[in-house]
Amino acid sequence: MYPRIEIGPLTLQTFGLMFAFAFLASGALVWKRLREIGKPGDWAYEMGFAALLGGIVGSRVYFLVQNYSEVKHDLLGSLFSGAGLVWYGGAIGGALAVLAWAWYRDFLGLTLLDVAAPALALGYAIGRCGCQLSGDGDYGKPFNGFGAMSYPNGTVPTETPVYPTPIYETLAMGMGAWLLWQLRDRVRAGVLFAIYLIYAGTERFLVEFIRRNTDDAVGLTTAQLESLGMMLAGAIWIAIVIRWHGGIGRQTANDAVQPAV
């Protein structure tokens, strides 16, 4: 594992480096798609900044809510500490911030969601590379089979061989990003984001079975329950589109991109 890279007197955290790379790569994908649909490419930077700021705030707040009993005596200090960035909280905060930005730019609509879908998958895939390199504790349960790894030098070290779940997630979501990009002009407005919800929800739901998490309710983790919500939302939207239009495929040149509402 390489939680840190030292270049002379400079020490860089690999998780932070991969986070920055994920941000830049996702932004580039959004920029390209915005240009394809006739929108200013510079909006990608504005959207990215909003997502980054909202994601950081959302992940911190989500962490405090989840761990209130442990941090209630020092909420302010915990809010600005370096620990506790929760993915789902970041996703919620980032989404709310982007929606606020889109309202300001008069870009609210299904097209916004479709523009974001491939970038979200790509960013998640690259972000999990950071988890793998830093060994930050997002690995799986003990496992002695093919491909098992230990993280003795990670930020959350373990000598025990475990499932290298960050690698699995990087591969799965990298494939998902490629698939969504290939479908971007082939489905009706809003369907691409629905596919993302189903794909990302399924991926996270399955990998949770081998991650080192504890069950919270009905034998499932919090992440699995949230993943089920994502999958259900995506399935409902696709069902509505099929009911209204008889299918999810694009029928005309304008079906894949709708104006903001």
C-alpha atoms as a PDB file:
ATOM      1  CA  MET A   1       0.000   0.000   0.000  1.00  0.00           C
ATOM      2  CA  TYR A   2       1.112   3.570  -0.593  1.00  0.00           C
ATOM      3  CA  PRO A   3      -0.872   5.825   1.760  1.00  0.00           C
ATOM      4  CA  ARG A   4       1.721   8.551   1.245  1.00  0.00           C
ATOM      5  CA  ILE A   5       4.125   9.568  -1.489  1.00  0.00           C
ATOM      6  CA  GLU A   6       7.206  11.487  -0.407  1.00  0.00           C
ATOM      7  CA  ILE A   7       8.891  13.792  -2.904  1.00  0.00           C
ATOM      8  CA  GLY A   8      11.822  15.388  -1.114  1.00  0.00           C
ATOM      9  CA  PRO A   9      10.393  17.343   1.824  1.00  0.00           C
ATOM     10  CA  LEU A  10       6.883  17.118   0.355  1.00  0.00           C
ATOM     11  CA  THR A  11       4.514  14.381   1.539  1.00  0.00           C
ATOM     12  CA  LEU A  12       1.382  13.725  -0.506  1.00  0.00           C
ATOM     13  CA  GLN A  13      -1.562  11.600   0.607  1.00  0.00           C
ATOM     14  CA  THR A  14      -2.491   9.132  -2.132  1.00  0.00           C
ATOM     15  CA  PHE A  15      -6.177   9.276  -1.214  1.00  0.00           C
ATOM     16  CA  GLY A  16      -6.151  13.029  -1.719  1.00  0.00           C
ATOM     17  CA  LEU A  17      -4.313  12.669  -5.015  1.00  0.00           C
ATOM     18  CA  MET A  18      -6.834  10.177  -6.345  1.00  0.00           C
ATOM     19  CA  PHE A  19      -9.686  12.355  -5.100  1.00  0.00           C
ATOM     20  CA  ALA A  20      -8.261  15.262  -7.092  1.00  0.00           C
ATOM     21  CA  PHE A  21      -7.785  13.037 -10.142  1.00  0.00           C
ATOM     22  CA  ALA A  22     -11.373  11.795  -9.854  1.00  0.00           C
ATOM     23  CA  PHE A  23     -12.584  15.388  -9.679  1.00  0.00           C
ATOM     24  CA  LEU A  24     -10.605  16.409 -12.772  1.00  0.00           C
ATOM     25  CA  ALA A  25     -11.508  13.326 -14.822  1.00  0.00           C
ATOM     26  CA  SER A  26     -15.204  13.629 -14.002  1.00  0.00           C
ATOM     27  CA  GLY A  27     -15.104  17.322 -14.813  1.00  0.00           C
ATOM     28  CA  ALA A  28     -13.528  16.588 -18.188  1.00  0.00           C
ATOM     29  CA  LEU A  29     -16.302  14.118 -18.981  1.00  0.00           C
ATOM     30  CA  VAL A  30     -18.972  16.658 -18.018  1.00  0.00           C
ATOM     31  CA  TRP A  31     -17.214  19.327 -20.099  1.00  0.00           C
ATOM     32  CA  LYS A  32     -17.216  17.097 -23.177  1.00  0.00           C
ATOM     33  CA  ARG A  33     -20.872  16.186 -22.771  1.00  0.00           C
ATOM     34  CA  LEU A  34     -21.940  19.789 -22.218  1.00  0.00           C
ATOM     35  CA  ARG A  35     -20.200  20.762 -25.445  1.00  0.00           C
ATOM     36  CA  GLU A  36     -21.922  17.901 -27.270  1.00  0.00           C
ATOM     37  CA  ILE A  37     -25.367  19.165 -26.271  1.00  0.00           C
ATOM     38  CA  GLY A  38     -24.632  22.796 -27.032  1.00  0.00           C
ATOM     39  CA  LYS A  39     -24.021  24.087 -23.509  1.00  0.00           C
ATOM     40  CA  PRO A  40     -20.989  26.116 -22.337  1.00  0.00           C
ATOM     41  CA  GLY A  41     -18.127  23.823 -21.430  1.00  0.00           C
ATOM     42  CA  ASP A  42     -17.117  26.166 -18.603  1.00  0.00           C
ATOM     43  CA  TRP A  43     -20.235  25.098 -16.757  1.00  0.00           C
ATOM     44  CA  ALA A  44     -18.378  21.883 -15.954  1.00  0.00           C
ATOM     45  CA  TYR A  45     -16.011  23.771 -13.647  1.00  0.00           C
ATOM     46  CA  GLU A  46     -18.868  25.566 -11.910  1.00  0.00           C
ATOM     47  CA  MET A  47     -20.805  22.332 -11.489  1.00  0.00           C
ATOM     48  CA  GLY A  48     -17.710  20.544 -10.239  1.00  0.00           C
ATOM     49  CA  PHE A  49     -16.944  23.196  -7.643  1.00  0.00           C
ATOM     50  CA  ALA A  50     -20.536  23.097  -6.395  1.00  0.00           C
ATOM     51  CA  ALA A  51     -20.423  19.290  -6.188  1.00  0.00           C
ATOM     52  CA  LEU A  52     -17.079  19.360  -4.362  1.00  0.00           C
ATOM     53  CA  LEU A  53     -18.152  21.932  -1.800  1.00  0.00           C
ATOM     54  CA  GLY A  54     -21.560  20.343  -1.243  1.00  0.00           C
ATOM     55  CA  GLY A  55     -20.022  16.880  -1.103  1.00  0.00           C
ATOM     56  CA  ILE A  56     -17.549  17.796   1.619  1.00  0.00           C
ATOM     57  CA  VAL A  57     -20.188  19.534   3.732  1.00  0.00           C
ATOM     58  CA  GLY A  58     -22.712  16.741   3.170  1.00  0.00           C
ATOM     59  CA  SER A  59     -20.276  13.980   4.056  1.00  0.00           C
ATOM     60  CA  ARG A  60     -19.289  15.727   7.285  1.00  0.00           C
ATOM     61  CA  VAL A  61     -22.888  16.376   8.345  1.00  0.00           C
ATOM     62  CA  TYR A  62     -23.868  12.779   7.497  1.00  0.00           C
ATOM     63  CA  PHE A  63     -20.959  11.501   9.585  1.00  0.00           C
ATOM     64  CA  LEU A  64     -22.028  13.619  12.558  1.00  0.00           C
ATOM     65  CA  VAL A  65     -25.618  12.393  12.304  1.00  0.00           C
ATOM     66  CA  GLN A  66     -24.525   8.743  12.073  1.00  0.00           C
ATOM     67  CA  ASN A  67     -22.130   9.072  15.003  1.00  0.00           C
ATOM     68  CA  TYR A  68     -23.955  11.635  17.115  1.00  0.00           C
ATOM     69  CA  SER A  69     -23.629   9.674  20.351  1.00  0.00           C
ATOM     70  CA  GLU A  70     -19.839   9.634  19.960  1.00  0.00           C
ATOM     71  CA  VAL A  71     -19.309  13.254  18.882  1.00  0.00           C
ATOM     72  CA  LYS A  72     -22.138  15.128  20.629  1.00  0.00           C
ATOM     73  CA  HIS A  73     -19.747  16.512  23.258  1.00  0.00           C
ATOM     74  CA  ASP A  74     -17.637  18.239  20.587  1.00  0.00           C
ATOM     75  CA  LEU A  75     -19.799  18.765  17.517  1.00  0.00           C
ATOM     76  CA  LEU A  76     -17.872  21.781  16.241  1.00  0.00           C
ATOM     77  CA  GLY A  77     -14.510  20.098  16.631  1.00  0.00           C
ATOM     78  CA  SER A  78     -15.789  16.934  14.971  1.00  0.00           C
ATOM     79  CA  LEU A  79     -17.235  18.959  12.095  1.00  0.00           C
ATOM     80  CA  PHE A  80     -13.798  20.305  11.194  1.00  0.00           C
ATOM     81  CA  SER A  81     -11.742  17.237  12.056  1.00  0.00           C
ATOM     82  CA  GLY A  82     -10.000  15.204   9.378  1.00  0.00           C
ATOM     83  CA  ALA A  83     -11.996  12.032  10.011  1.00  0.00           C
ATOM     84  CA  GLY A  84     -15.368  10.868   8.876  1.00  0.00           C
ATOM     85  CA  LEU A  85     -16.140  11.469   5.214  1.00  0.00           C
ATOM     86  CA  VAL A  86     -19.210   9.390   4.353  1.00  0.00           C
ATOM     87  CA  TRP A  87     -19.888   8.663   0.672  1.00  0.00           C
ATOM     88  CA  TYR A  88     -23.671   8.799   0.811  1.00  0.00           C
ATOM     89  CA  GLY A  89     -23.599  12.060   2.755  1.00  0.00           C
ATOM     90  CA  GLY A  90     -21.254  13.472   0.152  1.00  0.00           C
ATOM     91  CA  ALA A  91     -23.544  12.319  -2.636  1.00  0.00           C
ATOM     92  CA  ILE A  92     -26.563  13.984  -1.026  1.00  0.00           C
ATOM     93  CA  GLY A  93     -24.718  17.209  -0.266  1.00  0.00           C
ATOM     94  CA  GLY A  94     -23.137  17.322  -3.707  1.00  0.00           C
ATOM     95  CA  ALA A  95     -26.466  16.693  -5.406  1.00  0.00           C
ATOM     96  CA  LEU A  96     -28.183  19.481  -3.473  1.00  0.00           C
ATOM     97  CA  ALA A  97     -25.369  21.893  -4.284  1.00  0.00           C
ATOM     98  CA  VAL A  98     -25.485  21.024  -7.990  1.00  0.00           C
ATOM     99  CA  LEU A  99     -29.267  21.457  -8.022  1.00  0.00           C
ATOM    100  CA  ALA A 100     -28.832  24.909  -6.499  1.00  0.00           C
ATOM    101  CA  TRP A 101     -26.243  25.747  -9.157  1.00  0.00           C
ATOM    102  CA  ALA A 102     -28.514  24.402 -11.917  1.00  0.00           C
ATOM    103  CA  TRP A 103     -31.384  26.539 -10.644  1.00  0.00           C
ATOM    104  CA  TYR A 104     -29.092  29.576 -10.816  1.00  0.00           C
ATOM    105  CA  ARG A 105     -28.072  28.674 -14.384  1.00  0.00           C
ATOM    106  CA  ASP A 106     -31.641  27.745 -15.416  1.00  0.00           C
ATOM    107  CA  PHE A 107     -30.446  24.224 -16.215  1.00  0.00           C
ATOM    108  CA  LEU A 108     -32.780  22.208 -14.010  1.00  0.00           C
ATOM    109  CA  GLY A 109     -34.127  19.197 -15.866  1.00  0.00           C
ATOM    110  CA  LEU A 110     -33.542  15.615 -16.897  1.00  0.00           C
ATOM    111  CA  THR A 111     -30.621  16.579 -19.127  1.00  0.00           C
ATOM    112  CA  LEU A 112     -28.650  17.714 -16.086  1.00  0.00           C
ATOM    113  CA  LEU A 113     -29.026  14.282 -14.490  1.00  0.00           C
ATOM    114  CA  ASP A 114     -27.968  12.510 -17.672  1.00  0.00           C
ATOM    115  CA  VAL A 115     -24.903  14.731 -18.042  1.00  0.00           C
ATOM    116  CA  ALA A 116     -23.850  13.840 -14.510  1.00  0.00           C
ATOM    117  CA  ALA A 117     -24.407  10.064 -14.675  1.00  0.00           C
ATOM    118  CA  PRO A 118     -21.225   8.867 -16.464  1.00  0.00           C
ATOM    119  CA  ALA A 119     -19.105  11.352 -14.516  1.00  0.00           C
ATOM    120  CA  LEU A 120     -20.460  10.117 -11.186  1.00  0.00           C
ATOM    121  CA  ALA A 121     -19.569   6.536 -12.068  1.00  0.00           C
ATOM    122  CA  LEU A 122     -16.087   7.500 -13.270  1.00  0.00           C
ATOM    123  CA  GLY A 123     -15.375   9.612 -10.207  1.00  0.00           C
ATOM    124  CA  TYR A 124     -16.435   6.808  -7.886  1.00  0.00           C
ATOM    125  CA  ALA A 125     -14.227   4.303  -9.721  1.00  0.00           C
ATOM    126  CA  ILE A 126     -11.157   6.525  -9.453  1.00  0.00           C
ATOM    127  CA  GLY A 127     -11.953   7.402  -5.859  1.00  0.00           C
ATOM    128  CA  ARG A 128     -11.896   3.732  -4.921  1.00  0.00           C
ATOM    129  CA  CYS A 129      -8.369   3.557  -6.350  1.00  0.00           C
ATOM    130  CA  GLY A 130      -7.475   6.017  -3.609  1.00  0.00           C
ATOM    131  CA  CYS A 131      -9.040   3.722  -1.028  1.00  0.00           C
ATOM    132  CA  GLN A 132      -6.969   0.819  -2.334  1.00  0.00           C
ATOM    133  CA  LEU A 133      -3.691   2.735  -2.399  1.00  0.00           C
ATOM    134  CA  SER A 134      -4.150   4.253   1.042  1.00  0.00           C
ATOM    135  CA  GLY A 135      -5.626   1.156   2.704  1.00  0.00           C
ATOM    136  CA  ASP A 136      -8.153   3.337   4.493  1.00  0.00           C
ATOM    137  CA  GLY A 137     -10.287   0.521   5.876  1.00  0.00           C
ATOM    138  CA  ASP A 138     -12.748   0.167   3.006  1.00  0.00           C
ATOM    139  CA  TYR A 139     -11.501  -3.337   2.325  1.00  0.00           C
ATOM    140  CA  GLY A 140     -13.507  -6.509   2.864  1.00  0.00           C
ATOM    141  CA  LYS A 141     -13.872  -9.342   5.319  1.00  0.00           C
ATOM    142  CA  PRO A 142     -11.133 -11.925   5.965  1.00  0.00           C
ATOM    143  CA  PHE A 143     -10.568 -14.102   2.910  1.00  0.00           C
ATOM    144  CA  ASN A 144      -7.881 -16.636   2.010  1.00  0.00           C
ATOM    145  CA  GLY A 145      -8.846 -17.364  -1.590  1.00  0.00           C
ATOM    146  CA  PHE A 146      -7.534 -16.156  -4.931  1.00  0.00           C
ATOM    147  CA  GLY A 147      -6.795 -12.430  -5.032  1.00  0.00           C
ATOM    148  CA  ALA A 148      -6.883 -11.910  -1.270  1.00  0.00           C
ATOM    149  CA  MET A 149      -4.755  -9.023  -0.007  1.00  0.00           C
ATOM    150  CA  SER A 150      -3.562  -7.598   3.295  1.00  0.00           C
ATOM    151  CA  TYR A 151      -2.979  -3.921   4.070  1.00  0.00           C
ATOM    152  CA  PRO A 152      -0.139  -3.867   6.633  1.00  0.00           C
ATOM    153  CA  ASN A 153       0.957  -0.340   5.715  1.00  0.00           C
ATOM    154  CA  GLY A 154      -2.472   1.171   5.189  1.00  0.00           C
ATOM    155  CA  THR A 155      -3.900   4.054   7.158  1.00  0.00           C
ATOM    156  CA  VAL A 156      -6.170   1.403   8.716  1.00  0.00           C
ATOM    157  CA  PRO A 157      -3.693  -1.501   8.672  1.00  0.00           C
ATOM    158  CA  THR A 158      -4.457  -5.203   8.730  1.00  0.00           C
ATOM    159  CA  GLU A 159      -2.134  -8.182   8.452  1.00  0.00           C
ATOM    160  CA  THR A 160      -5.067 -10.508   7.785  1.00  0.00           C
ATOM    161  CA  PRO A 161      -5.791 -11.346   4.116  1.00  0.00           C
ATOM    162  CA  VAL A 162      -9.112  -9.802   3.097  1.00  0.00           C
ATOM    163  CA  TYR A 163     -11.293  -9.189   0.054  1.00  0.00           C
ATOM    164  CA  PRO A 164      -9.763  -6.212  -1.824  1.00  0.00           C
ATOM    165  CA  THR A 165     -13.186  -4.644  -2.338  1.00  0.00           C
ATOM    166  CA  PRO A 166     -11.851  -1.271  -3.582  1.00  0.00           C
ATOM    167  CA  ILE A 167     -10.422  -3.093  -6.601  1.00  0.00           C
ATOM    168  CA  TYR A 168     -13.748  -4.784  -7.282  1.00  0.00           C
ATOM    169  CA  GLU A 169     -15.563  -1.458  -7.077  1.00  0.00           C
ATOM    170  CA  THR A 170     -13.057   0.312  -9.305  1.00  0.00           C
ATOM    171  CA  LEU A 171     -13.493  -2.319 -12.014  1.00  0.00           C
ATOM    172  CA  ALA A 172     -17.280  -2.436 -11.692  1.00  0.00           C
ATOM    173  CA  MET A 173     -17.839   1.318 -11.715  1.00  0.00           C
ATOM    174  CA  GLY A 174     -15.226   1.870 -14.397  1.00  0.00           C
ATOM    175  CA  MET A 175     -17.193  -0.518 -16.591  1.00  0.00           C
ATOM    176  CA  GLY A 176     -20.368   1.296 -15.556  1.00  0.00           C
ATOM    177  CA  ALA A 177     -18.935   4.651 -16.624  1.00  0.00           C
ATOM    178  CA  TRP A 178     -18.014   3.217 -20.022  1.00  0.00           C
ATOM    179  CA  LEU A 179     -21.485   1.697 -20.442  1.00  0.00           C
ATOM    180  CA  LEU A 180     -23.267   4.927 -19.518  1.00  0.00           C
ATOM    181  CA  TRP A 181     -21.100   6.901 -21.919  1.00  0.00           C
ATOM    182  CA  GLN A 182     -21.951   4.522 -24.750  1.00  0.00           C
ATOM    183  CA  LEU A 183     -25.673   4.904 -24.002  1.00  0.00           C
ATOM    184  CA  ARG A 184     -25.705   8.694 -23.688  1.00  0.00           C
ATOM    185  CA  ASP A 185     -27.361   9.302 -27.090  1.00  0.00           C
ATOM    186  CA  ARG A 186     -29.382   6.097 -27.255  1.00  0.00           C
ATOM    187  CA  VAL A 187     -31.951   6.542 -24.493  1.00  0.00           C
ATOM    188  CA  ARG A 188     -34.627   9.056 -23.631  1.00  0.00           C
ATOM    189  CA  ALA A 189     -33.954  11.978 -21.319  1.00  0.00           C
ATOM    190  CA  GLY A 190     -33.634  10.902 -17.695  1.00  0.00           C
ATOM    191  CA  VAL A 191     -33.196   7.212 -18.471  1.00  0.00           C
ATOM    192  CA  LEU A 192     -29.400   7.384 -18.362  1.00  0.00           C
ATOM    193  CA  PHE A 193     -29.485   8.627 -14.785  1.00  0.00           C
ATOM    194  CA  ALA A 194     -32.030   5.948 -13.884  1.00  0.00           C
ATOM    195  CA  ILE A 195     -29.669   3.306 -15.279  1.00  0.00           C
ATOM    196  CA  TYR A 196     -26.883   4.810 -13.184  1.00  0.00           C
ATOM    197  CA  LEU A 197     -29.005   4.555 -10.045  1.00  0.00           C
ATOM    198  CA  ILE A 198     -29.770   0.890 -10.708  1.00  0.00           C
ATOM    199  CA  TYR A 199     -26.198  -0.002 -11.669  1.00  0.00           C
ATOM    200  CA  ALA A 200     -24.477   1.868  -8.826  1.00  0.00           C
ATOM    201  CA  GLY A 201     -27.050   0.683  -6.312  1.00  0.00           C
ATOM    202  CA  THR A 202     -26.654  -2.941  -7.386  1.00  0.00           C
ATOM    203  CA  GLU A 203     -22.862  -2.744  -7.290  1.00  0.00           C
ATOM    204  CA  ARG A 204     -22.777  -1.299  -3.786  1.00  0.00           C
ATOM    205  CA  PHE A 205     -25.509  -3.621  -2.515  1.00  0.00           C
ATOM    206  CA  LEU A 206     -23.575  -6.705  -3.629  1.00  0.00           C
ATOM    207  CA  VAL A 207     -20.128  -5.617  -2.477  1.00  0.00           C
ATOM    208  CA  GLU A 208     -21.471  -4.855   1.001  1.00  0.00           C
ATOM    209  CA  PHE A 209     -21.873  -8.595   1.594  1.00  0.00           C
ATOM    210  CA  ILE A 210     -18.095  -8.991   1.650  1.00  0.00           C
ATOM    211  CA  ARG A 211     -17.099  -5.649   3.176  1.00  0.00           C
ATOM    212  CA  ARG A 212     -16.194  -5.353   6.858  1.00  0.00           C
ATOM    213  CA  ASN A 213     -19.433  -3.693   7.924  1.00  0.00           C
ATOM    214  CA  THR A 214     -21.981  -4.618  10.567  1.00  0.00           C
ATOM    215  CA  ASP A 215     -25.626  -5.284   9.815  1.00  0.00           C
ATOM    216  CA  ASP A 216     -27.980  -2.496  10.859  1.00  0.00           C
ATOM    217  CA  ALA A 217     -31.492  -3.720  10.028  1.00  0.00           C
ATOM    218  CA  VAL A 218     -33.097  -6.904   8.678  1.00  0.00           C
ATOM    219  CA  GLY A 219     -29.637  -8.334   8.131  1.00  0.00           C
ATOM    220  CA  LEU A 220     -28.562  -5.487   5.823  1.00  0.00           C
ATOM    221  CA  THR A 221     -26.129  -2.602   6.255  1.00  0.00           C
ATOM    222  CA  THR A 222     -27.118   1.049   6.021  1.00  0.00           C
ATOM    223  CA  ALA A 223     -25.371   1.257   2.649  1.00  0.00           C
ATOM    224  CA  GLN A 224     -27.411  -1.691   1.372  1.00  0.00           C
ATOM    225  CA  LEU A 225     -30.687  -0.109   2.445  1.00  0.00           C
ATOM    226  CA  GLU A 226     -29.695   3.122   0.721  1.00  0.00           C
ATOM    227  CA  SER A 227     -28.658   1.143  -2.354  1.00  0.00           C
ATOM    228  CA  LEU A 228     -32.067  -0.504  -2.465  1.00  0.00           C
ATOM    229  CA  GLY A 229     -33.581   2.976  -2.476  1.00  0.00           C
ATOM    230  CA  MET A 230     -31.402   3.957  -5.442  1.00  0.00           C
ATOM    231  CA  MET A 231     -32.339   0.815  -7.356  1.00  0.00           C
ATOM    232  CA  LEU A 232     -36.037   1.297  -6.641  1.00  0.00           C
ATOM    233  CA  ALA A 233     -35.973   4.943  -7.733  1.00  0.00           C
ATOM    234  CA  GLY A 234     -34.241   4.037 -10.998  1.00  0.00           C
ATOM    235  CA  ALA A 235     -36.614   1.156 -11.705  1.00  0.00           C
ATOM    236  CA  ILE A 236     -39.689   3.302 -11.027  1.00  0.00           C
ATOM    237  CA  TRP A 237     -38.474   6.012 -13.382  1.00  0.00           C
ATOM    238  CA  ILE A 238     -37.780   3.528 -16.182  1.00  0.00           C
ATOM    239  CA  ALA A 239     -41.213   1.965 -15.646  1.00  0.00           C
ATOM    240  CA  ILE A 240     -42.802   5.412 -15.970  1.00  0.00           C
ATOM    241  CA  VAL A 241     -40.907   6.115 -19.187  1.00  0.00           C
ATOM    242  CA  ILE A 242     -41.963   2.770 -20.652  1.00  0.00           C
ATOM    243  CA  ARG A 243     -45.565   3.442 -19.626  1.00  0.00           C
ATOM    244  CA  TRP A 244     -45.594   6.873 -21.241  1.00  0.00           C
ATOM    245  CA  HIS A 245     -43.464   6.206 -24.307  1.00  0.00           C
ATOM    246  CA  GLY A 246     -43.590   2.454 -24.855  1.00  0.00           C
ATOM    247  CA  GLY A 247     -39.826   2.076 -24.429  1.00  0.00           C
ATOM    248  CA  ILE A 248     -36.650   3.745 -23.210  1.00  0.00           C
ATOM    249  CA  GLY A 249     -34.912   4.050 -26.575  1.00  0.00           C
ATOM    250  CA  ARG A 250     -34.479   7.411 -28.249  1.00  0.00           C
ATOM    251  CA  GLN A 251     -36.962   7.845 -31.097  1.00  0.00           C
ATOM    252  CA  THR A 252     -36.009  11.239 -32.509  1.00  0.00           C
ATOM    253  CA  ALA A 253     -32.925  13.395 -32.607  1.00  0.00           C
ATOM    254  CA  ASN A 254     -34.213  15.474 -29.698  1.00  0.00           C
ATOM    255  CA  ASP A 255     -35.372  12.710 -27.377  1.00  0.00           C
ATOM    256  CA  ALA A 256     -32.029  12.230 -25.662  1.00  0.00           C
ATOM    257  CA  VAL A 257     -31.636  15.898 -24.757  1.00  0.00           C
ATOM    258  CA  GLN A 258     -34.502  17.926 -23.369  1.00  0.00           C
ATOM    259  CA  PRO A 259     -34.394  21.642 -22.597  1.00  0.00           C
ATOM    260  CA  ALA A 260     -34.094  22.708 -18.994  1.00  0.00           C
ATOM    261  CA  VAL A 261     -37.351  23.345 -17.194  1.00  0.00           C
END
